[in-house]
Amino acid sequence: MAKLLTPTQTLKHWAASEDKTAADFARETGYQYNYTTQLFRGDREITPETLGWICIVYGGQVAEPIAAAMRAAGVTKKTNGGE
């Protein structure tokens, strides 16, 4: 049975397949480079808000595998104290 990827691993796998770096991701999404580097290293979790930007910028085909990994990891609520 194949091992499930974490949301971060899924993002990194997609980025590698598209030859995108953390700097590219920062420039294209409008996020700070420090934040995207932390995402790519796994120091920060991908939040539902970040997933929303990924969907807006790159489309649902890119966002859906990351969303599936988030669901599998149990990430379903906003991390800023919201419900």
N, C-alpha and C. Protein backbone atom coordinates (compact mmCIF):
# COMPACT_ATOMS: atom_id res chain seq x y z
N MET A 1 0.84 -1.17 0.00
CA MET A 1 0.00 0.00 0.00
C MET A 1 0.89 1.24 0.00
N ALA A 2 0.52 2.23 -0.81
CA ALA A 2 1.31 3.45 -0.93
C ALA A 2 1.16 4.32 0.32
N LYS A 3 2.26 4.92 0.71
CA LYS A 3 2.25 5.82 1.86
C LYS A 3 1.60 7.14 1.46
N LEU A 4 0.71 7.64 2.31
CA LEU A 4 0.08 8.92 2.05
C LEU A 4 1.07 10.05 2.28
N LEU A 5 1.01 11.03 1.40
CA LEU A 5 1.87 12.19 1.55
C LEU A 5 1.21 13.21 2.46
N THR A 6 2.01 13.95 3.19
CA THR A 6 1.50 15.06 3.99
C THR A 6 1.15 16.21 3.05
N PRO A 7 0.40 17.19 3.52
CA PRO A 7 0.13 18.35 2.67
C PRO A 7 1.42 19.02 2.17
N THR A 8 2.40 19.16 3.04
CA THR A 8 3.67 19.77 2.64
C THR A 8 4.38 18.94 1.58
N GLN A 9 4.41 17.63 1.77
CA GLN A 9 5.04 16.75 0.78
C GLN A 9 4.32 16.84 -0.56
N THR A 10 3.00 16.96 -0.50
CA THR A 10 2.21 17.07 -1.73
C THR A 10 2.54 18.37 -2.45
N LEU A 11 2.64 19.47 -1.70
CA LEU A 11 3.02 20.75 -2.28
C LEU A 11 4.41 20.67 -2.90
N LYS A 12 5.35 20.11 -2.17
CA LYS A 12 6.72 20.00 -2.66
C LYS A 12 6.81 19.12 -3.90
N HIS A 13 6.04 18.03 -3.92
CA HIS A 13 6.03 17.14 -5.08
C HIS A 13 5.52 17.88 -6.32
N TRP A 14 4.41 18.63 -6.15
CA TRP A 14 3.88 19.41 -7.27
C TRP A 14 4.91 20.45 -7.72
N ALA A 15 5.49 21.18 -6.75
CA ALA A 15 6.45 22.23 -7.10
C ALA A 15 7.64 21.65 -7.86
N ALA A 16 8.12 20.50 -7.43
CA ALA A 16 9.25 19.87 -8.12
C ALA A 16 8.86 19.46 -9.54
N SER A 17 7.64 18.96 -9.70
CA SER A 17 7.20 18.53 -11.03
C SER A 17 7.05 19.72 -11.98
N GLU A 18 6.84 20.91 -11.43
CA GLU A 18 6.68 22.13 -12.24
C GLU A 18 7.93 23.00 -12.23
N ASP A 19 9.01 22.49 -11.62
CA ASP A 19 10.26 23.26 -11.48
C ASP A 19 10.03 24.61 -10.80
N LYS A 20 9.20 24.61 -9.76
CA LYS A 20 8.91 25.83 -9.00
C LYS A 20 9.68 25.79 -7.68
N THR A 21 10.27 26.92 -7.35
CA THR A 21 10.98 27.05 -6.08
C THR A 21 10.10 27.79 -5.09
N ALA A 22 10.55 27.88 -3.86
CA ALA A 22 9.84 28.66 -2.85
C ALA A 22 9.77 30.12 -3.29
N ALA A 23 10.81 30.62 -3.95
CA ALA A 23 10.81 32.00 -4.45
C ALA A 23 9.75 32.18 -5.53
N ASP A 24 9.63 31.21 -6.44
CA ASP A 24 8.59 31.27 -7.47
C ASP A 24 7.21 31.30 -6.82
N PHE A 25 7.02 30.40 -5.86
CA PHE A 25 5.74 30.29 -5.16
C PHE A 25 5.40 31.61 -4.47
N ALA A 26 6.39 32.22 -3.83
CA ALA A 26 6.18 33.50 -3.14
C ALA A 26 5.77 34.58 -4.14
N ARG A 27 6.49 34.66 -5.22
CA ARG A 27 6.22 35.69 -6.23
C ARG A 27 4.83 35.50 -6.84
N GLU A 28 4.46 34.27 -7.14
CA GLU A 28 3.20 34.00 -7.82
C GLU A 28 1.98 34.11 -6.89
N THR A 29 2.16 33.80 -5.62
CA THR A 29 1.02 33.85 -4.69
C THR A 29 0.94 35.17 -3.93
N GLY A 30 2.04 35.92 -3.92
CA GLY A 30 2.07 37.16 -3.17
C GLY A 30 2.45 36.97 -1.70
N TYR A 31 2.79 35.74 -1.33
CA TYR A 31 3.23 35.48 0.04
C TYR A 31 4.68 35.93 0.21
N GLN A 32 5.05 36.21 1.46
CA GLN A 32 6.43 36.55 1.78
C GLN A 32 7.33 35.33 1.54
N TYR A 33 8.54 35.58 1.08
CA TYR A 33 9.48 34.49 0.82
C TYR A 33 9.74 33.66 2.09
N ASN A 34 9.86 34.33 3.24
CA ASN A 34 10.12 33.60 4.50
C ASN A 34 9.01 32.58 4.76
N TYR A 35 7.76 33.00 4.55
CA TYR A 35 6.62 32.13 4.78
C TYR A 35 6.65 30.93 3.83
N THR A 36 6.91 31.19 2.55
CA THR A 36 6.91 30.07 1.60
C THR A 36 8.06 29.12 1.87
N THR A 37 9.20 29.65 2.30
CA THR A 37 10.31 28.77 2.65
C THR A 37 9.93 27.89 3.83
N GLN A 38 9.25 28.46 4.82
CA GLN A 38 8.79 27.68 5.97
C GLN A 38 7.77 26.63 5.54
N LEU A 39 6.90 26.96 4.59
CA LEU A 39 5.95 25.97 4.07
C LEU A 39 6.68 24.81 3.41
N PHE A 40 7.63 25.13 2.55
CA PHE A 40 8.35 24.11 1.80
C PHE A 40 9.22 23.24 2.71
N ARG A 41 9.72 23.80 3.80
CA ARG A 41 10.53 23.02 4.75
C ARG A 41 9.65 22.21 5.69
N GLY A 42 8.38 22.55 5.78
CA GLY A 42 7.49 21.86 6.71
C GLY A 42 7.47 22.49 8.09
N ASP A 43 8.06 23.68 8.22
CA ASP A 43 8.06 24.38 9.50
C ASP A 43 6.71 25.02 9.79
N ARG A 44 5.92 25.24 8.75
CA ARG A 44 4.56 25.77 8.89
C ARG A 44 3.62 24.82 8.16
N GLU A 45 2.43 24.68 8.72
CA GLU A 45 1.43 23.85 8.07
C GLU A 45 0.70 24.66 7.01
N ILE A 46 0.24 23.97 6.01
CA ILE A 46 -0.60 24.61 5.00
C ILE A 46 -1.99 24.76 5.61
N THR A 47 -2.46 25.99 5.67
CA THR A 47 -3.76 26.27 6.27
C THR A 47 -4.84 26.28 5.18
N PRO A 48 -6.10 26.21 5.58
CA PRO A 48 -7.16 26.34 4.59
C PRO A 48 -7.07 27.65 3.81
N GLU A 49 -6.63 28.71 4.46
CA GLU A 49 -6.47 29.99 3.77
C GLU A 49 -5.39 29.91 2.69
N THR A 50 -4.27 29.27 3.02
CA THR A 50 -3.20 29.10 2.04
C THR A 50 -3.70 28.23 0.89
N LEU A 51 -4.43 27.19 1.20
CA LEU A 51 -4.98 26.32 0.17
C LEU A 51 -5.89 27.12 -0.77
N GLY A 52 -6.65 28.04 -0.20
CA GLY A 52 -7.51 28.89 -1.03
C GLY A 52 -6.70 29.70 -2.04
N TRP A 53 -5.58 30.26 -1.59
CA TRP A 53 -4.72 31.01 -2.51
C TRP A 53 -4.11 30.11 -3.56
N ILE A 54 -3.72 28.91 -3.17
CA ILE A 54 -3.17 27.96 -4.14
C ILE A 54 -4.22 27.68 -5.22
N CYS A 55 -5.46 27.51 -4.81
CA CYS A 55 -6.54 27.25 -5.76
C CYS A 55 -6.75 28.45 -6.68
N ILE A 56 -6.74 29.65 -6.13
CA ILE A 56 -6.94 30.85 -6.94
C ILE A 56 -5.81 31.03 -7.94
N VAL A 57 -4.58 30.87 -7.48
CA VAL A 57 -3.42 31.14 -8.33
C VAL A 57 -3.14 30.01 -9.31
N TYR A 58 -3.23 28.76 -8.84
CA TYR A 58 -2.81 27.63 -9.68
C TYR A 58 -3.97 26.75 -10.17
N GLY A 59 -5.14 26.91 -9.58
CA GLY A 59 -6.30 26.14 -10.03
C GLY A 59 -6.59 24.93 -9.16
N GLY A 60 -7.79 24.43 -9.35
CA GLY A 60 -8.27 23.30 -8.56
C GLY A 60 -7.50 22.02 -8.75
N GLN A 61 -6.94 21.80 -9.94
CA GLN A 61 -6.19 20.57 -10.18
C GLN A 61 -4.94 20.51 -9.33
N VAL A 62 -4.38 21.64 -9.00
CA VAL A 62 -3.21 21.69 -8.12
C VAL A 62 -3.65 21.63 -6.67
N ALA A 63 -4.72 22.34 -6.33
CA ALA A 63 -5.16 22.43 -4.94
C ALA A 63 -5.78 21.13 -4.43
N GLU A 64 -6.47 20.37 -5.27
CA GLU A 64 -7.21 19.20 -4.80
C GLU A 64 -6.33 18.14 -4.14
N PRO A 65 -5.19 17.75 -4.71
CA PRO A 65 -4.35 16.76 -4.01
C PRO A 65 -3.86 17.26 -2.65
N ILE A 66 -3.58 18.55 -2.56
CA ILE A 66 -3.15 19.12 -1.28
C ILE A 66 -4.31 19.09 -0.30
N ALA A 67 -5.52 19.42 -0.78
CA ALA A 67 -6.72 19.38 0.06
C ALA A 67 -6.97 17.95 0.55
N ALA A 68 -6.79 16.98 -0.33
CA ALA A 68 -6.99 15.57 0.07
C ALA A 68 -6.00 15.18 1.16
N ALA A 69 -4.76 15.63 1.02
CA ALA A 69 -3.75 15.33 2.04
C ALA A 69 -4.10 16.03 3.36
N MET A 70 -4.66 17.24 3.26
CA MET A 70 -5.08 17.96 4.46
C MET A 70 -6.22 17.22 5.15
N ARG A 71 -7.19 16.73 4.37
CA ARG A 71 -8.30 15.98 4.96
C ARG A 71 -7.78 14.72 5.63
N ALA A 72 -6.87 14.03 4.97
CA ALA A 72 -6.30 12.80 5.54
C ALA A 72 -5.54 13.08 6.83
N ALA A 73 -4.93 14.27 6.91
CA ALA A 73 -4.17 14.66 8.10
C ALA A 73 -5.07 15.26 9.18
N GLY A 74 -6.35 15.46 8.85
CA GLY A 74 -7.28 16.00 9.82
C GLY A 74 -7.29 17.51 9.91
N VAL A 75 -6.72 18.18 8.91
CA VAL A 75 -6.72 19.64 8.90
C VAL A 75 -8.00 20.10 8.22
N THR A 76 -8.94 20.59 9.02
CA THR A 76 -10.21 21.00 8.43
C THR A 76 -10.67 22.37 8.89
N LYS A 77 -10.09 22.90 9.96
CA LYS A 77 -10.53 24.20 10.49
C LYS A 77 -9.48 25.25 10.26
N LYS A 78 -9.93 26.50 10.29
CA LYS A 78 -9.00 27.62 10.21
C LYS A 78 -8.09 27.57 11.44
N THR A 79 -6.87 28.01 11.25
CA THR A 79 -5.90 27.98 12.35
C THR A 79 -5.84 29.29 13.10
N ASN A 80 -6.63 30.27 12.70
CA ASN A 80 -6.56 31.57 13.36
C ASN A 80 -7.60 31.73 14.45
N GLY A 81 -8.11 30.62 14.95
CA GLY A 81 -9.09 30.66 16.02
C GLY A 81 -10.53 30.58 15.55
N GLY A 82 -10.72 30.55 14.23
CA GLY A 82 -12.06 30.46 13.67
C GLY A 82 -12.59 29.04 13.68
N GLU A 83 -13.83 28.91 13.36
CA GLU A 83 -14.45 27.57 13.32
C GLU A 83 -14.43 27.01 11.93
